[in-house]
C-alpha atoms as a PDB file:
ATOM      1  CA  UNK A   1     -42.956  34.291  -1.989  1.00  0.00           C
ATOM      2  CA  UNK A   2     -40.470  36.574  -3.748  1.00  0.00           C
ATOM      3  CA  UNK A   3     -41.489  39.500  -1.496  1.00  0.00           C
ATOM      4  CA  UNK A   4     -40.922  37.324   1.574  1.00  0.00           C
ATOM      5  CA  UNK A   5     -37.454  36.350   0.358  1.00  0.00           C
ATOM      6  CA  UNK A   6     -36.515  39.927  -0.443  1.00  0.00           C
ATOM      7  CA  UNK A   7     -37.761  41.100   2.936  1.00  0.00           C
ATOM      8  CA  UNK A   8     -35.857  38.427   4.849  1.00  0.00           C
ATOM      9  CA  UNK A   9     -32.732  39.054   2.791  1.00  0.00           C
ATOM     10  CA  UNK A  10     -32.823  42.795   3.549  1.00  0.00           C
ATOM     11  CA  UNK A  11     -33.303  42.048   7.247  1.00  0.00           C
ATOM     12  CA  UNK A  12     -30.326  39.695   7.160  1.00  0.00           C
ATOM     13  CA  UNK A  13     -28.147  42.459   5.676  1.00  0.00           C
ATOM     14  CA  UNK A  14     -28.918  44.872   8.491  1.00  0.00           C
ATOM     15  CA  UNK A  15     -28.432  42.185  11.125  1.00  0.00           C
ATOM     16  CA  UNK A  16     -32.001  42.020  12.475  1.00  0.00           C
ATOM     17  CA  UNK A  17     -32.964  38.451  11.505  1.00  0.00           C
ATOM     18  CA  UNK A  18     -32.254  35.825  14.167  1.00  0.00           C
ATOM     19  CA  UNK A  19     -30.156  32.712  13.544  1.00  0.00           C
ATOM     20  CA  UNK A  20     -33.220  30.477  13.195  1.00  0.00           C
ATOM     21  CA  UNK A  21     -34.660  32.709  10.480  1.00  0.00           C
ATOM     22  CA  UNK A  22     -31.366  32.553   8.535  1.00  0.00           C
ATOM     23  CA  UNK A  23     -31.461  28.759   8.602  1.00  0.00           C
ATOM     24  CA  UNK A  24     -35.028  28.902   7.298  1.00  0.00           C
ATOM     25  CA  UNK A  25     -34.008  31.259   4.513  1.00  0.00           C
ATOM     26  CA  UNK A  26     -31.079  29.172   3.244  1.00  0.00           C
ATOM     27  CA  UNK A  27     -33.146  25.999   3.171  1.00  0.00           C
ATOM     28  CA  UNK A  28     -36.361  27.411   1.729  1.00  0.00           C
ATOM     29  CA  UNK A  29     -37.252  25.388  -1.397  1.00  0.00           C
ATOM     30  CA  UNK A  30     -37.740  28.354  -3.705  1.00  0.00           C
ATOM     31  CA  UNK A  31     -34.918  30.653  -2.586  1.00  0.00           C
ATOM     32  CA  UNK A  32     -32.024  31.310  -4.985  1.00  0.00           C
ATOM     33  CA  UNK A  33     -29.325  32.112  -2.423  1.00  0.00           C
ATOM     34  CA  UNK A  34     -26.465  29.496  -2.300  1.00  0.00           C
ATOM     35  CA  UNK A  35     -23.275  29.080  -0.313  1.00  0.00           C
ATOM     36  CA  UNK A  36     -20.203  27.370  -1.773  1.00  0.00           C
ATOM     37  CA  UNK A  37     -18.689  24.382   0.044  1.00  0.00           C
ATOM     38  CA  UNK A  38     -15.097  24.785   1.303  1.00  0.00           C
ATOM     39  CA  UNK A  39     -12.342  23.158  -0.822  1.00  0.00           C
ATOM     40  CA  UNK A  40     -12.003  20.256   1.605  1.00  0.00           C
ATOM     41  CA  UNK A  41     -15.751  19.501   1.332  1.00  0.00           C
ATOM     42  CA  UNK A  42     -18.068  18.525  -1.496  1.00  0.00           C
ATOM     43  CA  UNK A  43     -21.892  18.829  -1.865  1.00  0.00           C
ATOM     44  CA  UNK A  44     -24.322  15.930  -1.952  1.00  0.00           C
ATOM     45  CA  UNK A  45     -26.475  15.194  -5.008  1.00  0.00           C
ATOM     46  CA  UNK A  46     -29.345  17.351  -3.725  1.00  0.00           C
ATOM     47  CA  UNK A  47     -26.963  20.316  -3.124  1.00  0.00           C
ATOM     48  CA  UNK A  48     -28.372  20.732   0.382  1.00  0.00           C
ATOM     49  CA  UNK A  49     -25.334  19.846   2.506  1.00  0.00           C
ATOM     50  CA  UNK A  50     -21.521  19.683   2.417  1.00  0.00           C
ATOM     51  CA  UNK A  51     -19.526  16.584   3.340  1.00  0.00           C
ATOM     52  CA  UNK A  52     -15.827  16.351   4.109  1.00  0.00           C
ATOM     53  CA  UNK A  53     -13.734  14.930   1.247  1.00  0.00           C
ATOM     54  CA  UNK A  54     -11.771  11.702   1.693  1.00  0.00           C
ATOM     55  CA  UNK A  55      -7.988  12.235   1.887  1.00  0.00           C
ATOM     56  CA  UNK A  56      -6.230   9.673  -0.318  1.00  0.00           C
ATOM     57  CA  UNK A  57      -2.684   8.819  -1.470  1.00  0.00           C
ATOM     58  CA  UNK A  58      -0.732   5.765  -2.579  1.00  0.00           C
ATOM     59  CA  UNK A  59      -0.171   3.846   0.651  1.00  0.00           C
ATOM     60  CA  UNK A  60       1.126   0.500   1.818  1.00  0.00           C
ATOM     61  CA  UNK A  61      -2.467  -0.552   2.526  1.00  0.00           C
ATOM     62  CA  UNK A  62      -3.594  -0.147  -1.101  1.00  0.00           C
ATOM     63  CA  UNK A  63      -3.439  -3.318  -3.248  1.00  0.00           C
ATOM     64  CA  UNK A  64      -1.272  -1.566  -5.848  1.00  0.00           C
ATOM     65  CA  UNK A  65       0.954  -0.205  -3.077  1.00  0.00           C
ATOM     66  CA  UNK A  66       1.390  -3.683  -1.605  1.00  0.00           C
ATOM     67  CA  UNK A  67       2.264  -5.158  -5.026  1.00  0.00           C
ATOM     68  CA  UNK A  68       4.785  -2.436  -5.870  1.00  0.00           C
ATOM     69  CA  UNK A  69       6.419  -2.685  -2.445  1.00  0.00           C
ATOM     70  CA  UNK A  70       6.708  -6.460  -2.758  1.00  0.00           C
ATOM     71  CA  UNK A  71       8.278  -6.209  -6.227  1.00  0.00           C
ATOM     72  CA  UNK A  72      10.724  -3.528  -5.051  1.00  0.00           C
ATOM     73  CA  UNK A  73      11.783  -5.609  -2.037  1.00  0.00           C
ATOM     74  CA  UNK A  74      12.077  -8.782  -4.152  1.00  0.00           C
ATOM     75  CA  UNK A  75      14.313  -7.244  -6.814  1.00  0.00           C
ATOM     76  CA  UNK A  76      16.384  -5.439  -4.219  1.00  0.00           C
ATOM     77  CA  UNK A  77      16.977  -8.810  -2.555  1.00  0.00           C
ATOM     78  CA  UNK A  78      17.882 -10.360  -5.936  1.00  0.00           C
ATOM     79  CA  UNK A  79      20.352  -7.519  -6.598  1.00  0.00           C
ATOM     80  CA  UNK A  80      21.937  -8.171  -3.219  1.00  0.00           C
ATOM     81  CA  UNK A  81      22.185 -11.872  -4.046  1.00  0.00           C
ATOM     82  CA  UNK A  82      23.889 -11.136  -7.369  1.00  0.00           C
ATOM     83  CA  UNK A  83      26.311  -8.803  -5.598  1.00  0.00           C
ATOM     84  CA  UNK A  84      27.146 -11.567  -3.128  1.00  0.00           C
ATOM     85  CA  UNK A  85      27.790 -13.987  -6.018  1.00  0.00           C
ATOM     86  CA  UNK A  86      30.115 -11.504  -7.705  1.00  0.00           C
ATOM     87  CA  UNK A  87      32.036 -10.879  -4.483  1.00  0.00           C
ATOM     88  CA  UNK A  88      32.364 -14.618  -3.848  1.00  0.00           C
ATOM     89  CA  UNK A  89      33.647 -15.264  -7.396  1.00  0.00           C
ATOM     90  CA  UNK A  90      35.571 -11.993  -7.700  1.00  0.00           C
ATOM     91  CA  UNK A  91      38.783 -13.674  -8.879  1.00  0.00           C
ATOM     92  CA  UNK A  92      37.170 -15.546 -11.785  1.00  0.00           C
ATOM     93  CA  UNK A  93      37.636 -14.263 -15.375  1.00  0.00           C
ATOM     94  CA  UNK A  94      33.980 -13.383 -15.980  1.00  0.00           C
ATOM     95  CA  UNK A  95      33.858 -11.103 -12.922  1.00  0.00           C
ATOM     96  CA  UNK A  96      37.214  -9.496 -13.691  1.00  0.00           C
ATOM     97  CA  UNK A  97      36.196  -8.727 -17.261  1.00  0.00           C
ATOM     98  CA  UNK A  98      35.143  -5.134 -17.975  1.00  0.00           C
ATOM     99  CA  UNK A  99      36.102  -3.893 -14.506  1.00  0.00           C
ATOM    100  CA  UNK A 100      34.550  -5.693 -11.544  1.00  0.00           C
ATOM    101  CA  UNK A 101      34.458  -2.475  -9.499  1.00  0.00           C
ATOM    102  CA  UNK A 102      31.962  -1.087 -12.012  1.00  0.00           C
ATOM    103  CA  UNK A 103      29.868  -4.225 -11.601  1.00  0.00           C
ATOM    104  CA  UNK A 104      29.798  -3.734  -7.835  1.00  0.00           C
ATOM    105  CA  UNK A 105      28.849  -0.067  -8.209  1.00  0.00           C
ATOM    106  CA  UNK A 106      26.173  -0.905 -10.786  1.00  0.00           C
ATOM    107  CA  UNK A 107      24.601  -3.514  -8.508  1.00  0.00           C
ATOM    108  CA  UNK A 108      24.617  -1.150  -5.530  1.00  0.00           C
ATOM    109  CA  UNK A 109      22.986   1.600  -7.602  1.00  0.00           C
ATOM    110  CA  UNK A 110      20.325  -0.855  -8.833  1.00  0.00           C
ATOM    111  CA  UNK A 111      19.600  -1.889  -5.248  1.00  0.00           C
ATOM    112  CA  UNK A 112      19.190   1.789  -4.379  1.00  0.00           C
ATOM    113  CA  UNK A 113      16.871   2.287  -7.367  1.00  0.00           C
ATOM    114  CA  UNK A 114      14.600  -0.521  -6.190  1.00  0.00           C
ATOM    115  CA  UNK A 115      14.609   0.712  -2.597  1.00  0.00           C
ATOM    116  CA  UNK A 116      13.907   4.330  -3.582  1.00  0.00           C
ATOM    117  CA  UNK A 117      10.466   3.173  -4.761  1.00  0.00           C
ATOM    118  CA  UNK A 118       9.472   2.921  -1.097  1.00  0.00           C
ATOM    119  CA  UNK A 119       9.876   6.715  -0.810  1.00  0.00           C
ATOM    120  CA  UNK A 120       7.091   7.144  -3.385  1.00  0.00           C
ATOM    121  CA  UNK A 121       4.634   5.112  -1.305  1.00  0.00           C
ATOM    122  CA  UNK A 122       2.808   6.396   1.816  1.00  0.00           C
ATOM    123  CA  UNK A 123       1.726   9.969   2.536  1.00  0.00           C
ATOM    124  CA  UNK A 124       4.176  12.502   1.075  1.00  0.00           C
ATOM    125  CA  UNK A 125       5.754  15.113   3.313  1.00  0.00           C
ATOM    126  CA  UNK A 126       8.425  17.754   2.883  1.00  0.00           C
ATOM    127  CA  UNK A 127      11.313  15.286   3.259  1.00  0.00           C
ATOM    128  CA  UNK A 128       9.987  12.561   0.943  1.00  0.00           C
ATOM    129  CA  UNK A 129       8.994  15.086  -1.718  1.00  0.00           C
ATOM    130  CA  UNK A 130      12.495  16.528  -1.453  1.00  0.00           C
ATOM    131  CA  UNK A 131      14.149  13.118  -1.880  1.00  0.00           C
ATOM    132  CA  UNK A 132      11.922  11.336  -4.411  1.00  0.00           C
ATOM    133  CA  UNK A 133      13.141  12.700  -7.739  1.00  0.00           C
ATOM    134  CA  UNK A 134      16.684  13.483  -6.564  1.00  0.00           C
ATOM    135  CA  UNK A 135      17.415   9.933  -5.365  1.00  0.00           C
ATOM    136  CA  UNK A 136      15.746   8.465  -8.445  1.00  0.00           C
ATOM    137  CA  UNK A 137      17.696  10.687 -10.862  1.00  0.00           C
ATOM    138  CA  UNK A 138      21.095  10.226  -9.206  1.00  0.00           C
ATOM    139  CA  UNK A 139      20.897   6.444  -8.773  1.00  0.00           C
ATOM    140  CA  UNK A 140      19.811   5.942 -12.378  1.00  0.00           C
ATOM    141  CA  UNK A 141      22.549   8.246 -13.678  1.00  0.00           C
ATOM    142  CA  UNK A 142      25.118   6.131 -11.807  1.00  0.00           C
ATOM    143  CA  UNK A 143      23.674   2.920 -13.278  1.00  0.00           C
ATOM    144  CA  UNK A 144      23.640   4.152 -16.872  1.00  0.00           C
ATOM    145  CA  UNK A 145      27.081   5.755 -16.456  1.00  0.00           C
ATOM    146  CA  UNK A 146      28.494   2.420 -15.311  1.00  0.00           C
ATOM    147  CA  UNK A 147      27.144   0.724 -18.427  1.00  0.00           C
ATOM    148  CA  UNK A 148      28.549   3.487 -20.629  1.00  0.00           C
ATOM    149  CA  UNK A 149      31.951   3.159 -18.956  1.00  0.00           C
ATOM    150  CA  UNK A 150      31.882  -0.642 -19.348  1.00  0.00           C
ATOM    151  CA  UNK A 151      31.250  -0.335 -23.071  1.00  0.00           C
ATOM    152  CA  UNK A 152      33.851   2.376 -23.638  1.00  0.00           C
ATOM    153  CA  UNK A 153      36.494   0.300 -21.864  1.00  0.00           C
ATOM    154  CA  UNK A 154      35.877  -2.585 -24.279  1.00  0.00           C
ATOM    155  CA  UNK A 155      36.200  -0.243 -27.269  1.00  0.00           C
ATOM    156  CA  UNK A 156      39.334   1.439 -25.901  1.00  0.00           C
ATOM    157  CA  UNK A 157      40.978  -1.875 -24.959  1.00  0.00           C
ATOM    158  CA  UNK A 158      40.338  -3.372 -28.400  1.00  0.00           C
ATOM    159  CA  UNK A 159      41.607  -0.346 -30.333  1.00  0.00           C
ATOM    160  CA  UNK A 160      44.624   0.084 -28.044  1.00  0.00           C
ATOM    161  CA  UNK A 161      46.050  -3.220 -29.328  1.00  0.00           C
ATOM    162  CA  UNK A 162      46.330  -1.863 -32.867  1.00  0.00           C
ATOM    163  CA  UNK A 163      49.837  -0.735 -33.894  1.00  0.00           C
ATOM    164  CA  UNK A 164      50.469   2.998 -33.623  1.00  0.00           C
ATOM    165  CA  UNK A 165      47.303   3.673 -31.619  1.00  0.00           C
ATOM    166  CA  UNK A 166      47.566   6.269 -28.843  1.00  0.00           C
ATOM    167  CA  UNK A 167      44.722   4.815 -26.746  1.00  0.00           C
ATOM    168  CA  UNK A 168      47.050   2.746 -24.546  1.00  0.00           C
ATOM    169  CA  UNK A 169      47.286   5.581 -22.029  1.00  0.00           C
ATOM    170  CA  UNK A 170      43.498   5.442 -21.577  1.00  0.00           C
ATOM    171  CA  UNK A 171      43.520   1.757 -20.613  1.00  0.00           C
ATOM    172  CA  UNK A 172      43.319   1.458 -16.831  1.00  0.00           C
ATOM    173  CA  UNK A 173      41.061   1.440 -13.792  1.00  0.00           C
ATOM    174  CA  UNK A 174      40.902   5.229 -13.426  1.00  0.00           C
ATOM    175  CA  UNK A 175      39.243   5.991 -16.774  1.00  0.00           C
ATOM    176  CA  UNK A 176      35.903   4.199 -16.151  1.00  0.00           C
ATOM    177  CA  UNK A 177      35.670   5.660 -12.659  1.00  0.00           C
ATOM    178  CA  UNK A 178      36.298   9.115 -14.100  1.00  0.00           C
ATOM    179  CA  UNK A 179      33.521   8.591 -16.677  1.00  0.00           C
ATOM    180  CA  UNK A 180      31.051   7.544 -13.970  1.00  0.00           C
ATOM    181  CA  UNK A 181      32.066  10.471 -11.761  1.00  0.00           C
ATOM    182  CA  UNK A 182      31.632  13.088 -14.499  1.00  0.00           C
ATOM    183  CA  UNK A 183      28.310  11.745 -15.818  1.00  0.00           C
ATOM    184  CA  UNK A 184      26.851  11.369 -12.316  1.00  0.00           C
ATOM    185  CA  UNK A 185      28.107  14.775 -11.161  1.00  0.00           C
ATOM    186  CA  UNK A 186      26.164  16.499 -13.943  1.00  0.00           C
ATOM    187  CA  UNK A 187      22.949  14.866 -12.704  1.00  0.00           C
ATOM    188  CA  UNK A 188      23.778  15.773  -9.097  1.00  0.00           C
ATOM    189  CA  UNK A 189      24.252  19.396 -10.184  1.00  0.00           C
ATOM    190  CA  UNK A 190      20.885  19.428 -11.990  1.00  0.00           C
ATOM    191  CA  UNK A 191      19.114  17.975  -8.938  1.00  0.00           C
ATOM    192  CA  UNK A 192      20.855  20.412  -6.583  1.00  0.00           C
ATOM    193  CA  UNK A 193      19.814  23.432  -8.666  1.00  0.00           C
ATOM    194  CA  UNK A 194      16.253  22.112  -8.796  1.00  0.00           C
ATOM    195  CA  UNK A 195      16.044  21.596  -5.052  1.00  0.00           C
ATOM    196  CA  UNK A 196      17.534  25.029  -4.346  1.00  0.00           C
ATOM    197  CA  UNK A 197      15.594  27.126  -6.873  1.00  0.00           C
ATOM    198  CA  UNK A 198      12.182  25.402  -6.890  1.00  0.00           C
ATOM    199  CA  UNK A 199      12.038  22.423  -4.528  1.00  0.00           C
ATOM    200  CA  UNK A 200       9.149  19.934  -4.591  1.00  0.00           C
ATOM    201  CA  UNK A 201       6.659  20.173  -1.740  1.00  0.00           C
ATOM    202  CA  UNK A 202       3.494  18.339  -0.627  1.00  0.00           C
ATOM    203  CA  UNK A 203       0.254  19.691  -2.091  1.00  0.00           C
ATOM    204  CA  UNK A 204      -3.462  18.910  -1.878  1.00  0.00           C
ATOM    205  CA  UNK A 205      -5.256  18.252  -5.155  1.00  0.00           C
ATOM    206  CA  UNK A 206      -8.993  18.831  -4.665  1.00  0.00           C
ATOM    207  CA  UNK A 207     -10.025  18.793  -8.322  1.00  0.00           C
ATOM    208  CA  UNK A 208      -8.778  15.527  -9.888  1.00  0.00           C
ATOM    209  CA  UNK A 209     -11.367  13.212  -8.320  1.00  0.00           C
ATOM    210  CA  UNK A 210     -14.863  14.010  -7.047  1.00  0.00           C
ATOM    211  CA  UNK A 211     -15.191  13.730  -3.288  1.00  0.00           C
ATOM    212  CA  UNK A 212     -11.454  13.135  -2.736  1.00  0.00           C
ATOM    213  CA  UNK A 213      -8.383  15.132  -1.757  1.00  0.00           C
ATOM    214  CA  UNK A 214      -5.235  13.704  -3.384  1.00  0.00           C
ATOM    215  CA  UNK A 215      -2.123  14.318  -1.290  1.00  0.00           C
ATOM    216  CA  UNK A 216       0.753  14.511  -3.780  1.00  0.00           C
ATOM    217  CA  UNK A 217       4.106  16.158  -4.365  1.00  0.00           C
ATOM    218  CA  UNK A 218       4.118  19.364  -6.345  1.00  0.00           C
ATOM    219  CA  UNK A 219       7.189  19.035  -8.593  1.00  0.00           C
ATOM    220  CA  UNK A 220       8.032  22.687  -8.076  1.00  0.00           C
ATOM    221  CA  UNK A 221       9.552  22.919 -11.547  1.00  0.00           C
ATOM    222  CA  UNK A 222       8.214  20.567 -14.201  1.00  0.00           C
ATOM    223  CA  UNK A 223      11.024  21.723 -16.501  1.00  0.00           C
ATOM    224  CA  UNK A 224      13.666  20.455 -14.050  1.00  0.00           C
ATOM    225  CA  UNK A 225      11.910  17.087 -13.792  1.00  0.00           C
ATOM    226  CA  UNK A 226      11.933  16.624 -17.564  1.00  0.00           C
ATOM    227  CA  UNK A 227      15.560  17.795 -17.760  1.00  0.00           C
ATOM    228  CA  UNK A 228      16.469  14.968 -15.371  1.00  0.00           C
ATOM    229  CA  UNK A 229      14.581  12.471 -17.532  1.00  0.00           C
ATOM    230  CA  UNK A 230      16.092  13.941 -20.697  1.00  0.00           C
ATOM    231  CA  UNK A 231      19.616  13.660 -19.331  1.00  0.00           C
ATOM    232  CA  UNK A 232      19.031  10.021 -18.396  1.00  0.00           C
ATOM    233  CA  UNK A 233      17.672   9.277 -21.875  1.00  0.00           C
ATOM    234  CA  UNK A 234      20.670  11.033 -23.426  1.00  0.00           C
ATOM    235  CA  UNK A 235      23.088   8.880 -21.400  1.00  0.00           C
ATOM    236  CA  UNK A 236      21.111   5.772 -22.321  1.00  0.00           C
ATOM    237  CA  UNK A 237      21.114   6.722 -26.019  1.00  0.00           C
ATOM    238  CA  UNK A 238      24.901   7.243 -26.045  1.00  0.00           C
ATOM    239  CA  UNK A 239      25.374   3.909 -24.250  1.00  0.00           C
ATOM    240  CA  UNK A 240      23.068   2.223 -26.758  1.00  0.00           C
ATOM    241  CA  UNK A 241      24.960   3.575 -29.769  1.00  0.00           C
ATOM    242  CA  UNK A 242      28.408   2.717 -28.346  1.00  0.00           C
ATOM    243  CA  UNK A 243      27.285  -0.756 -27.247  1.00  0.00           C
ATOM    244  CA  UNK A 244      25.679  -1.455 -30.621  1.00  0.00           C
ATOM    245  CA  UNK A 245      28.889  -0.496 -32.446  1.00  0.00           C
ATOM    246  CA  UNK A 246      30.984  -2.626 -30.076  1.00  0.00           C
ATOM    247  CA  UNK A 247      28.736  -5.694 -30.073  1.00  0.00           C
ATOM    248  CA  UNK A 248      30.930  -7.680 -32.505  1.00  0.00           C
ATOM    249  CA  UNK A 249      34.313  -6.931 -31.020  1.00  0.00           C
ATOM    250  CA  UNK A 250      36.284 -10.151 -30.377  1.00  0.00           C
ATOM    251  CA  UNK A 251      36.043 -10.423 -26.615  1.00  0.00           C
ATOM    252  CA  UNK A 252      34.938 -13.614 -24.867  1.00  0.00           C
ATOM    253  CA  UNK A 253      33.173 -11.697 -22.101  1.00  0.00           C
ATOM    254  CA  UNK A 254      32.105  -8.704 -24.183  1.00  0.00           C
ATOM    255  CA  UNK A 255      29.081  -7.124 -22.464  1.00  0.00           C
ATOM    256  CA  UNK A 256      28.158  -4.949 -25.442  1.00  0.00           C
ATOM    257  CA  UNK A 257      25.316  -7.159 -26.691  1.00  0.00           C
ATOM    258  CA  UNK A 258      23.719  -7.372 -23.258  1.00  0.00           C
ATOM    259  CA  UNK A 259      24.174  -3.652 -22.652  1.00  0.00           C
ATOM    260  CA  UNK A 260      22.493  -2.965 -26.015  1.00  0.00           C
ATOM    261  CA  UNK A 261      19.436  -4.962 -24.940  1.00  0.00           C
ATOM    262  CA  UNK A 262      19.380  -3.313 -21.511  1.00  0.00           C
ATOM    263  CA  UNK A 263      19.475   0.184 -23.021  1.00  0.00           C
ATOM    264  CA  UNK A 264      16.695  -0.711 -25.448  1.00  0.00           C
ATOM    265  CA  UNK A 265      14.561  -1.815 -22.487  1.00  0.00           C
ATOM    266  CA  UNK A 266      15.464   1.331 -20.548  1.00  0.00           C
ATOM    267  CA  UNK A 267      14.636   3.742 -23.374  1.00  0.00           C
ATOM    268  CA  UNK A 268      11.426   1.881 -24.258  1.00  0.00           C
ATOM    269  CA  UNK A 269      10.135   1.979 -20.674  1.00  0.00           C
ATOM    270  CA  UNK A 270      10.747   5.690 -20.225  1.00  0.00           C
ATOM    271  CA  UNK A 271       9.423   6.540 -23.686  1.00  0.00           C
ATOM    272  CA  UNK A 272       6.094   4.981 -22.726  1.00  0.00           C
ATOM    273  CA  UNK A 273       6.276   6.511 -19.255  1.00  0.00           C
ATOM    274  CA  UNK A 274       5.985  10.173 -20.297  1.00  0.00           C
ATOM    275  CA  UNK A 275       2.591  10.003 -22.136  1.00  0.00           C
ATOM    276  CA  UNK A 276       1.200   7.619 -19.512  1.00  0.00           C
ATOM    277  CA  UNK A 277       2.372   9.884 -16.693  1.00  0.00           C
ATOM    278  CA  UNK A 278       0.800  12.952 -18.302  1.00  0.00           C
ATOM    279  CA  UNK A 279      -2.545  11.208 -18.818  1.00  0.00           C
ATOM    280  CA  UNK A 280      -2.746   9.670 -15.327  1.00  0.00           C
ATOM    281  CA  UNK A 281      -4.606  11.380 -12.485  1.00  0.00           C
ATOM    282  CA  UNK A 282      -4.336  11.388  -8.721  1.00  0.00           C
ATOM    283  CA  UNK A 283      -2.283   8.701  -7.066  1.00  0.00           C
ATOM    284  CA  UNK A 284      -2.093   6.802 -10.370  1.00  0.00           C
ATOM    285  CA  UNK A 285       0.703   9.177 -11.419  1.00  0.00           C
ATOM    286  CA  UNK A 286       2.823   7.944  -8.517  1.00  0.00           C
ATOM    287  CA  UNK A 287       2.061   4.308  -9.333  1.00  0.00           C
ATOM    288  CA  UNK A 288       3.061   4.867 -12.979  1.00  0.00           C
ATOM    289  CA  UNK A 289       6.416   6.380 -12.000  1.00  0.00           C
ATOM    290  CA  UNK A 290       7.166   3.597  -9.502  1.00  0.00           C
ATOM    291  CA  UNK A 291       6.309   0.970 -12.121  1.00  0.00           C
ATOM    292  CA  UNK A 292       8.646   2.658 -14.638  1.00  0.00           C
ATOM    293  CA  UNK A 293      11.484   2.658 -12.085  1.00  0.00           C
ATOM    294  CA  UNK A 294      10.938  -1.031 -11.298  1.00  0.00           C
ATOM    295  CA  UNK A 295      10.624  -2.058 -14.963  1.00  0.00           C
ATOM    296  CA  UNK A 296      13.735  -0.216 -16.141  1.00  0.00           C
ATOM    297  CA  UNK A 297      15.846  -1.300 -13.142  1.00  0.00           C
ATOM    298  CA  UNK A 298      14.827  -4.952 -13.505  1.00  0.00           C
ATOM    299  CA  UNK A 299      15.582  -4.705 -17.244  1.00  0.00           C
ATOM    300  CA  UNK A 300      19.129  -3.538 -16.500  1.00  0.00           C
ATOM    301  CA  UNK A 301      19.593  -6.203 -13.832  1.00  0.00           C
ATOM    302  CA  UNK A 302      18.306  -9.051 -16.001  1.00  0.00           C
ATOM    303  CA  UNK A 303      19.974  -8.127 -19.294  1.00  0.00           C
ATOM    304  CA  UNK A 304      23.423  -7.416 -17.831  1.00  0.00           C
ATOM    305  CA  UNK A 305      23.787  -9.884 -14.967  1.00  0.00           C
ATOM    306  CA  UNK A 306      21.560 -12.874 -15.754  1.00  0.00           C
ATOM    307  CA  UNK A 307      23.937 -14.258 -18.458  1.00  0.00           C
ATOM    308  CA  UNK A 308      26.933 -13.873 -16.131  1.00  0.00           C
ATOM    309  CA  UNK A 309      25.186 -15.559 -13.200  1.00  0.00           C
ATOM    310  CA  UNK A 310      24.170 -18.386 -15.545  1.00  0.00           C
ATOM    311  CA  UNK A 311      27.814 -19.017 -16.463  1.00  0.00           C
ATOM    312  CA  UNK A 312      29.105 -18.615 -12.898  1.00  0.00           C
ATOM    313  CA  UNK A 313      26.556 -20.967 -11.314  1.00  0.00           C
ATOM    314  CA  UNK A 314      25.612 -23.412 -14.079  1.00  0.00           C
ATOM    315  CA  UNK A 315      28.494 -23.350 -16.573  1.00  0.00           C
ATOM    316  CA  UNK A 316      31.655 -23.020 -14.438  1.00  0.00           C
ATOM    317  CA  UNK A 317      33.776 -24.677 -17.154  1.00  0.00           C
ATOM    318  CA  UNK A 318      33.277 -21.540 -19.261  1.00  0.00           C
ATOM    319  CA  UNK A 319      34.515 -19.347 -16.427  1.00  0.00           C
ATOM    320  CA  UNK A 320      38.148 -20.436 -16.769  1.00  0.00           C
ATOM    321  CA  UNK A 321      41.277 -18.894 -18.245  1.00  0.00           C
ATOM    322  CA  UNK A 322      41.893 -21.785 -20.626  1.00  0.00           C
ATOM    323  CA  UNK A 323      38.392 -21.303 -22.061  1.00  0.00           C
ATOM    324  CA  UNK A 324      39.263 -17.671 -22.798  1.00  0.00           C
ATOM    325  CA  UNK A 325      42.532 -18.662 -24.499  1.00  0.00           C
ATOM    326  CA  UNK A 326      40.774 -21.344 -26.520  1.00  0.00           C
ATOM    327  CA  UNK A 327      38.105 -18.809 -27.517  1.00  0.00           C
END
């Protein structure tokens, strides 16, 4: 048997054996000559044939994709409803407090955060891979910057009333907008450098799951991705510290307590995200990131705006100037 195999193999090398004889050789039970399947194929259990791998990604047809899309659309609609309430009651004291323009900008950025989850679902291509992390990072930096500016305005306004304090010149509508612009511009610069130097691109993962090809976005630079997350966590930590210190300032509509809770939710979600993201495989990594975006955005929306909507809609007697003076 061995002599037959050696003979046929030598004939194959010199090109004498016909195609039918080659087929016989490669399928002979006792031969030890193997061919490797291409990367987009995988062998059956008997190792006698190659089958094409299934191409998979997080799509709108998957149950988890349907659930995440529904949640994103629902909370985006709720954010739009809250924005409409604030515009309708824009001249009331609770909306004017702590700069209503920041509230509008915060709600718009939260709506964008919910809607950007749709970019993570369906088959990734060059455009979606390019936009995913950039849109996520910029919208969240705007949201957290708005909360930081809201808290700083309360602190500045309270300390400016003290005799001999030089903070009066910092009280005004331009200061919070400047804070948001600076903090957001830093994130925009980080994202721009990332996209220029090492942009994300679609890739095909053939090793994570047996018999499947995972279509995913190669981050390009993992360091840049974690810098974006680190910058967001830094902004959230500063907002948390400032809000915690300002939580007992005597202001009827002081947002500091609610901002403290919202930042705790934000930091907690993203602290659990990193180890979960690193341990996930295949399209589960995308689902984990989308869930973290939805959880943190809904935490900001609920902690900051739910108490205000409660007063506006259900306790209108507390949304009056005489209530502020009495308080």
